[in-house]
Amino acid sequence: MSGLYTIIVARWLGQNSKGHQLSDIQARMRLKVSGDEVEIRQSYVPVLFLHLVKPLVADGSDAADDVIERMDEYNLTREDWDTIVELGVDEDKDDVLKRIPAATKTAFTKWWIVLPLLSS
């Protein structure tokens, strides 16, 4: 019984964590959009996935500037990007990160390190 209990608790913790992450996204986006967490999950996450993740897969590091600019418009953080990937709606979302070239991931991460320095 303890093994099943451990699995159930671990699954609940994972889902609860996603709920908190989605709540954080909704709170940051509220200056630009209206909607509760359900509306953000159903209406905005699929579109954000198309505009924040797919360009990095298709265009590589050339898309990093546009992705970061779009994220900035909605007050989203790098952690929010990770959550959007995790909540993604693509049928092969599990390996979407594998399809983003390593150089693109590096460039994207470097932008997030440099960005706060540029704005201060």
N, C-alpha and C. Protein backbone atom coordinates (compact mmCIF):
# COMPACT_ATOMS: atom_id res chain seq x y z
N MET A 1 0.82 -1.20 0.00
CA MET A 1 0.00 0.00 0.00
C MET A 1 0.86 1.26 0.00
N SER A 2 2.00 1.22 0.69
CA SER A 2 2.81 2.43 0.76
C SER A 2 3.35 2.84 -0.61
N GLY A 3 3.63 1.88 -1.50
CA GLY A 3 4.10 2.22 -2.83
C GLY A 3 3.06 2.97 -3.63
N LEU A 4 1.81 2.53 -3.57
CA LEU A 4 0.72 3.20 -4.27
C LEU A 4 0.49 4.59 -3.68
N TYR A 5 0.54 4.69 -2.38
CA TYR A 5 0.37 5.98 -1.70
C TYR A 5 1.44 6.97 -2.15
N THR A 6 2.68 6.50 -2.26
CA THR A 6 3.79 7.36 -2.69
C THR A 6 3.56 7.88 -4.10
N ILE A 7 3.07 7.01 -4.98
CA ILE A 7 2.80 7.41 -6.36
C ILE A 7 1.68 8.45 -6.40
N ILE A 8 0.63 8.22 -5.64
CA ILE A 8 -0.50 9.16 -5.62
C ILE A 8 -0.06 10.51 -5.09
N VAL A 9 0.69 10.52 -4.01
CA VAL A 9 1.16 11.79 -3.42
C VAL A 9 2.09 12.50 -4.39
N ALA A 10 3.00 11.77 -5.02
CA ALA A 10 3.93 12.39 -5.98
C ALA A 10 3.17 12.99 -7.15
N ARG A 11 2.16 12.31 -7.66
CA ARG A 11 1.36 12.82 -8.76
C ARG A 11 0.61 14.09 -8.33
N TRP A 12 0.03 14.06 -7.13
CA TRP A 12 -0.70 15.23 -6.63
C TRP A 12 0.24 16.42 -6.47
N LEU A 13 1.43 16.18 -5.93
CA LEU A 13 2.39 17.27 -5.77
C LEU A 13 2.77 17.87 -7.11
N GLY A 14 2.97 17.04 -8.10
CA GLY A 14 3.31 17.53 -9.43
C GLY A 14 2.20 18.37 -10.02
N GLN A 15 0.96 17.90 -9.91
CA GLN A 15 -0.18 18.65 -10.44
C GLN A 15 -0.39 19.94 -9.65
N ASN A 16 -0.20 19.89 -8.33
CA ASN A 16 -0.36 21.08 -7.50
C ASN A 16 0.69 22.12 -7.84
N SER A 17 1.90 21.67 -8.11
CA SER A 17 2.98 22.58 -8.50
C SER A 17 2.64 23.27 -9.82
N LYS A 18 2.10 22.52 -10.79
CA LYS A 18 1.70 23.12 -12.07
C LYS A 18 0.62 24.18 -11.85
N GLY A 19 -0.28 23.91 -10.91
CA GLY A 19 -1.33 24.88 -10.61
C GLY A 19 -0.76 26.18 -10.08
N HIS A 20 0.25 26.07 -9.22
CA HIS A 20 0.89 27.27 -8.69
C HIS A 20 1.64 28.01 -9.80
N GLN A 21 2.29 27.26 -10.67
CA GLN A 21 3.02 27.89 -11.78
C GLN A 21 2.05 28.61 -12.71
N LEU A 22 0.92 27.99 -12.98
CA LEU A 22 -0.08 28.62 -13.83
C LEU A 22 -0.65 29.86 -13.16
N SER A 23 -0.81 29.81 -11.86
CA SER A 23 -1.27 30.98 -11.10
C SER A 23 -0.27 32.12 -11.21
N ASP A 24 1.01 31.79 -11.17
CA ASP A 24 2.06 32.81 -11.33
C ASP A 24 2.00 33.45 -12.72
N ILE A 25 1.81 32.63 -13.75
CA ILE A 25 1.70 33.14 -15.11
C ILE A 25 0.50 34.07 -15.22
N GLN A 26 -0.63 33.64 -14.68
CA GLN A 26 -1.85 34.46 -14.74
C GLN A 26 -1.63 35.79 -14.03
N ALA A 27 -0.96 35.77 -12.89
CA ALA A 27 -0.72 37.00 -12.14
C ALA A 27 0.17 37.97 -12.93
N ARG A 28 1.19 37.46 -13.58
CA ARG A 28 2.08 38.33 -14.35
C ARG A 28 1.41 38.87 -15.62
N MET A 29 0.56 38.07 -16.22
CA MET A 29 -0.07 38.46 -17.47
C MET A 29 -1.27 39.38 -17.27
N ARG A 30 -1.73 39.54 -16.05
CA ARG A 30 -2.99 40.27 -15.82
C ARG A 30 -2.95 41.72 -16.27
N LEU A 31 -1.76 42.30 -16.45
CA LEU A 31 -1.68 43.66 -16.96
C LEU A 31 -2.04 43.74 -18.45
N LYS A 32 -1.92 42.62 -19.16
CA LYS A 32 -2.19 42.59 -20.59
C LYS A 32 -3.46 41.83 -20.97
N VAL A 33 -3.83 40.86 -20.16
CA VAL A 33 -4.97 40.00 -20.51
C VAL A 33 -5.90 39.88 -19.31
N SER A 34 -7.13 39.52 -19.60
CA SER A 34 -8.06 39.23 -18.52
C SER A 34 -8.42 37.76 -18.61
N GLY A 35 -8.59 37.16 -17.50
CA GLY A 35 -8.96 35.75 -17.48
C GLY A 35 -8.44 35.08 -16.22
N ASP A 36 -9.18 34.08 -15.79
CA ASP A 36 -8.73 33.32 -14.63
C ASP A 36 -7.76 32.24 -15.10
N GLU A 37 -7.32 31.40 -14.17
CA GLU A 37 -6.33 30.38 -14.50
C GLU A 37 -6.84 29.41 -15.57
N VAL A 38 -8.11 29.06 -15.49
CA VAL A 38 -8.67 28.13 -16.48
C VAL A 38 -8.63 28.75 -17.87
N GLU A 39 -9.01 30.01 -17.98
CA GLU A 39 -8.98 30.68 -19.28
C GLU A 39 -7.55 30.84 -19.79
N ILE A 40 -6.62 31.13 -18.89
CA ILE A 40 -5.21 31.23 -19.29
C ILE A 40 -4.75 29.88 -19.83
N ARG A 41 -5.08 28.80 -19.12
CA ARG A 41 -4.65 27.46 -19.52
C ARG A 41 -5.28 27.06 -20.86
N GLN A 42 -6.57 27.33 -21.02
CA GLN A 42 -7.27 26.87 -22.21
C GLN A 42 -7.09 27.78 -23.42
N SER A 43 -7.02 29.08 -23.19
CA SER A 43 -7.00 30.01 -24.32
C SER A 43 -5.63 30.58 -24.63
N TYR A 44 -4.84 30.86 -23.61
CA TYR A 44 -3.58 31.55 -23.83
C TYR A 44 -2.37 30.61 -23.95
N VAL A 45 -2.30 29.57 -23.13
CA VAL A 45 -1.14 28.68 -23.17
C VAL A 45 -0.95 28.06 -24.56
N PRO A 46 -2.01 27.57 -25.21
CA PRO A 46 -1.79 27.02 -26.57
C PRO A 46 -1.21 28.05 -27.55
N VAL A 47 -1.70 29.29 -27.48
CA VAL A 47 -1.20 30.33 -28.38
C VAL A 47 0.22 30.74 -27.99
N LEU A 48 0.46 30.85 -26.70
CA LEU A 48 1.82 31.18 -26.24
C LEU A 48 2.81 30.09 -26.66
N PHE A 49 2.38 28.84 -26.58
CA PHE A 49 3.23 27.73 -27.01
C PHE A 49 3.64 27.92 -28.47
N LEU A 50 2.68 28.30 -29.30
CA LEU A 50 2.97 28.52 -30.73
C LEU A 50 3.93 29.68 -30.96
N HIS A 51 3.86 30.71 -30.13
CA HIS A 51 4.67 31.91 -30.34
C HIS A 51 5.97 31.93 -29.53
N LEU A 52 6.06 31.12 -28.49
CA LEU A 52 7.25 31.15 -27.63
C LEU A 52 8.12 29.91 -27.74
N VAL A 53 7.55 28.82 -28.21
CA VAL A 53 8.31 27.57 -28.28
C VAL A 53 8.57 27.16 -29.73
N LYS A 54 7.53 27.12 -30.53
CA LYS A 54 7.66 26.68 -31.91
C LYS A 54 8.69 27.46 -32.72
N PRO A 55 8.78 28.80 -32.56
CA PRO A 55 9.80 29.53 -33.33
C PRO A 55 11.23 29.09 -33.00
N LEU A 56 11.47 28.71 -31.75
CA LEU A 56 12.82 28.25 -31.38
C LEU A 56 13.13 26.91 -32.04
N VAL A 57 12.10 26.09 -32.20
CA VAL A 57 12.28 24.81 -32.88
C VAL A 57 12.52 25.05 -34.37
N ALA A 58 11.70 25.91 -34.97
CA ALA A 58 11.75 26.11 -36.42
C ALA A 58 12.92 26.98 -36.87
N ASP A 59 13.19 28.07 -36.15
CA ASP A 59 14.17 29.05 -36.61
C ASP A 59 15.45 29.11 -35.78
N GLY A 60 15.51 28.34 -34.73
CA GLY A 60 16.71 28.31 -33.91
C GLY A 60 16.96 29.62 -33.19
N SER A 61 18.22 29.96 -33.00
CA SER A 61 18.59 31.14 -32.22
C SER A 61 18.18 32.45 -32.91
N ASP A 62 17.87 32.39 -34.21
CA ASP A 62 17.38 33.59 -34.89
C ASP A 62 16.05 34.07 -34.30
N ALA A 63 15.30 33.15 -33.70
CA ALA A 63 13.99 33.49 -33.15
C ALA A 63 14.07 33.95 -31.69
N ALA A 64 15.22 33.82 -31.06
CA ALA A 64 15.33 34.12 -29.63
C ALA A 64 14.93 35.56 -29.31
N ASP A 65 15.36 36.51 -30.10
CA ASP A 65 15.02 37.92 -29.83
C ASP A 65 13.51 38.14 -29.86
N ASP A 66 12.85 37.59 -30.88
CA ASP A 66 11.40 37.76 -31.01
C ASP A 66 10.66 37.07 -29.87
N VAL A 67 11.12 35.90 -29.49
CA VAL A 67 10.48 35.17 -28.39
C VAL A 67 10.61 35.96 -27.09
N ILE A 68 11.79 36.46 -26.82
CA ILE A 68 12.02 37.23 -25.59
C ILE A 68 11.21 38.52 -25.61
N GLU A 69 11.13 39.17 -26.75
CA GLU A 69 10.32 40.39 -26.86
C GLU A 69 8.84 40.10 -26.58
N ARG A 70 8.34 39.00 -27.12
CA ARG A 70 6.94 38.63 -26.88
C ARG A 70 6.73 38.29 -25.41
N MET A 71 7.67 37.60 -24.81
CA MET A 71 7.56 37.27 -23.38
C MET A 71 7.56 38.55 -22.54
N ASP A 72 8.38 39.50 -22.93
CA ASP A 72 8.45 40.77 -22.21
C ASP A 72 7.12 41.53 -22.31
N GLU A 73 6.47 41.44 -23.46
CA GLU A 73 5.16 42.09 -23.63
C GLU A 73 4.14 41.59 -22.61
N TYR A 74 4.24 40.31 -22.27
CA TYR A 74 3.29 39.70 -21.34
C TYR A 74 3.86 39.52 -19.94
N ASN A 75 5.02 40.11 -19.68
CA ASN A 75 5.66 40.05 -18.36
C ASN A 75 5.99 38.63 -17.92
N LEU A 76 6.37 37.79 -18.86
CA LEU A 76 6.67 36.40 -18.55
C LEU A 76 8.16 36.23 -18.29
N THR A 77 8.48 35.28 -17.44
CA THR A 77 9.86 35.00 -17.06
C THR A 77 10.36 33.73 -17.76
N ARG A 78 11.62 33.44 -17.57
CA ARG A 78 12.19 32.20 -18.12
C ARG A 78 11.50 30.99 -17.50
N GLU A 79 11.18 31.07 -16.22
CA GLU A 79 10.48 29.97 -15.54
C GLU A 79 9.08 29.79 -16.13
N ASP A 80 8.45 30.89 -16.52
CA ASP A 80 7.14 30.81 -17.15
C ASP A 80 7.26 30.09 -18.49
N TRP A 81 8.33 30.35 -19.22
CA TRP A 81 8.57 29.66 -20.50
C TRP A 81 8.65 28.15 -20.26
N ASP A 82 9.38 27.76 -19.22
CA ASP A 82 9.48 26.33 -18.88
C ASP A 82 8.11 25.74 -18.59
N THR A 83 7.29 26.49 -17.86
CA THR A 83 5.93 26.02 -17.53
C THR A 83 5.09 25.89 -18.79
N ILE A 84 5.21 26.84 -19.70
CA ILE A 84 4.44 26.79 -20.95
C ILE A 84 4.87 25.57 -21.77
N VAL A 85 6.16 25.26 -21.77
CA VAL A 85 6.63 24.05 -22.45
C VAL A 85 6.02 22.83 -21.78
N GLU A 86 6.05 22.80 -20.46
CA GLU A 86 5.53 21.66 -19.71
C GLU A 86 4.03 21.48 -19.92
N LEU A 87 3.30 22.58 -19.99
CA LEU A 87 1.85 22.52 -20.18
C LEU A 87 1.47 22.48 -21.65
N GLY A 88 2.47 22.48 -22.52
CA GLY A 88 2.25 22.58 -23.96
C GLY A 88 1.18 21.65 -24.49
N VAL A 89 0.64 22.02 -25.61
CA VAL A 89 -0.49 21.30 -26.19
C VAL A 89 -0.09 20.50 -27.42
N ASP A 90 1.14 20.58 -27.80
CA ASP A 90 1.62 19.87 -28.98
C ASP A 90 1.59 18.37 -28.70
N GLU A 91 1.25 17.60 -29.72
CA GLU A 91 1.15 16.15 -29.52
C GLU A 91 2.50 15.53 -29.15
N ASP A 92 3.59 16.16 -29.53
CA ASP A 92 4.91 15.64 -29.16
C ASP A 92 5.65 16.62 -28.25
N LYS A 93 4.90 17.19 -27.31
CA LYS A 93 5.48 18.19 -26.40
C LYS A 93 6.59 17.61 -25.54
N ASP A 94 6.53 16.29 -25.31
CA ASP A 94 7.53 15.69 -24.43
C ASP A 94 8.94 15.78 -25.00
N ASP A 95 9.06 15.80 -26.32
CA ASP A 95 10.42 15.91 -26.87
C ASP A 95 10.64 17.22 -27.61
N VAL A 96 9.80 18.22 -27.34
CA VAL A 96 9.99 19.51 -28.00
C VAL A 96 11.33 20.12 -27.61
N LEU A 97 11.75 19.94 -26.37
CA LEU A 97 13.04 20.48 -25.94
C LEU A 97 14.20 19.81 -26.67
N LYS A 98 14.03 18.55 -27.03
CA LYS A 98 15.07 17.85 -27.78
C LYS A 98 15.21 18.39 -29.19
N ARG A 99 14.13 18.98 -29.72
CA ARG A 99 14.15 19.51 -31.08
C ARG A 99 14.66 20.94 -31.16
N ILE A 100 14.87 21.57 -30.01
CA ILE A 100 15.47 22.90 -29.99
C ILE A 100 16.98 22.72 -29.95
N PRO A 101 17.71 23.23 -30.94
CA PRO A 101 19.16 23.03 -30.97
C PRO A 101 19.84 23.56 -29.70
N ALA A 102 20.92 22.90 -29.32
CA ALA A 102 21.65 23.28 -28.10
C ALA A 102 22.12 24.73 -28.18
N ALA A 103 22.57 25.16 -29.35
CA ALA A 103 23.03 26.55 -29.51
C ALA A 103 21.89 27.53 -29.26
N THR A 104 20.69 27.16 -29.65
CA THR A 104 19.52 28.02 -29.42
C THR A 104 19.20 28.10 -27.94
N LYS A 105 19.22 26.96 -27.26
CA LYS A 105 18.97 26.97 -25.81
C LYS A 105 19.99 27.83 -25.10
N THR A 106 21.24 27.74 -25.53
CA THR A 106 22.31 28.54 -24.92
C THR A 106 22.07 30.03 -25.15
N ALA A 107 21.76 30.40 -26.38
CA ALA A 107 21.51 31.81 -26.70
C ALA A 107 20.31 32.33 -25.91
N PHE A 108 19.27 31.54 -25.83
CA PHE A 108 18.06 31.93 -25.11
C PHE A 108 18.36 32.14 -23.62
N THR A 109 19.11 31.23 -23.05
CA THR A 109 19.46 31.34 -21.63
C THR A 109 20.37 32.55 -21.39
N LYS A 110 21.33 32.78 -22.28
CA LYS A 110 22.22 33.94 -22.13
C LYS A 110 21.44 35.24 -22.16
N TRP A 111 20.42 35.32 -23.04
CA TRP A 111 19.59 36.52 -23.08
C TRP A 111 18.95 36.77 -21.73
N TRP A 112 18.49 35.73 -21.08
CA TRP A 112 17.83 35.89 -19.78
C TRP A 112 18.81 36.31 -18.69
N ILE A 113 20.07 35.98 -18.86
CA ILE A 113 21.09 36.41 -17.91
C ILE A 113 21.44 37.87 -18.16
N VAL A 114 21.56 38.27 -19.43
CA VAL A 114 21.98 39.61 -19.82
C VAL A 114 20.84 40.63 -19.68
N LEU A 115 19.62 40.21 -19.94
CA LEU A 115 18.48 41.12 -19.96
C LEU A 115 18.35 42.00 -18.70
N PRO A 116 18.42 41.44 -17.50
CA PRO A 116 18.32 42.31 -16.32
C PRO A 116 19.46 43.32 -16.21
N LEU A 117 20.63 42.95 -16.71
CA LEU A 117 21.77 43.85 -16.66
C LEU A 117 21.56 45.03 -17.61
N LEU A 118 20.92 44.79 -18.75
CA LEU A 118 20.67 45.85 -19.73
C LEU A 118 19.61 46.83 -19.25
N SER A 119 18.66 46.34 -18.47
CA SER A 119 17.58 47.22 -18.04
C SER A 119 17.89 47.97 -16.75
N SER A 120 19.03 47.70 -16.15
CA SER A 120 19.37 48.43 -14.91
C SER A 120 20.31 49.57 -15.16
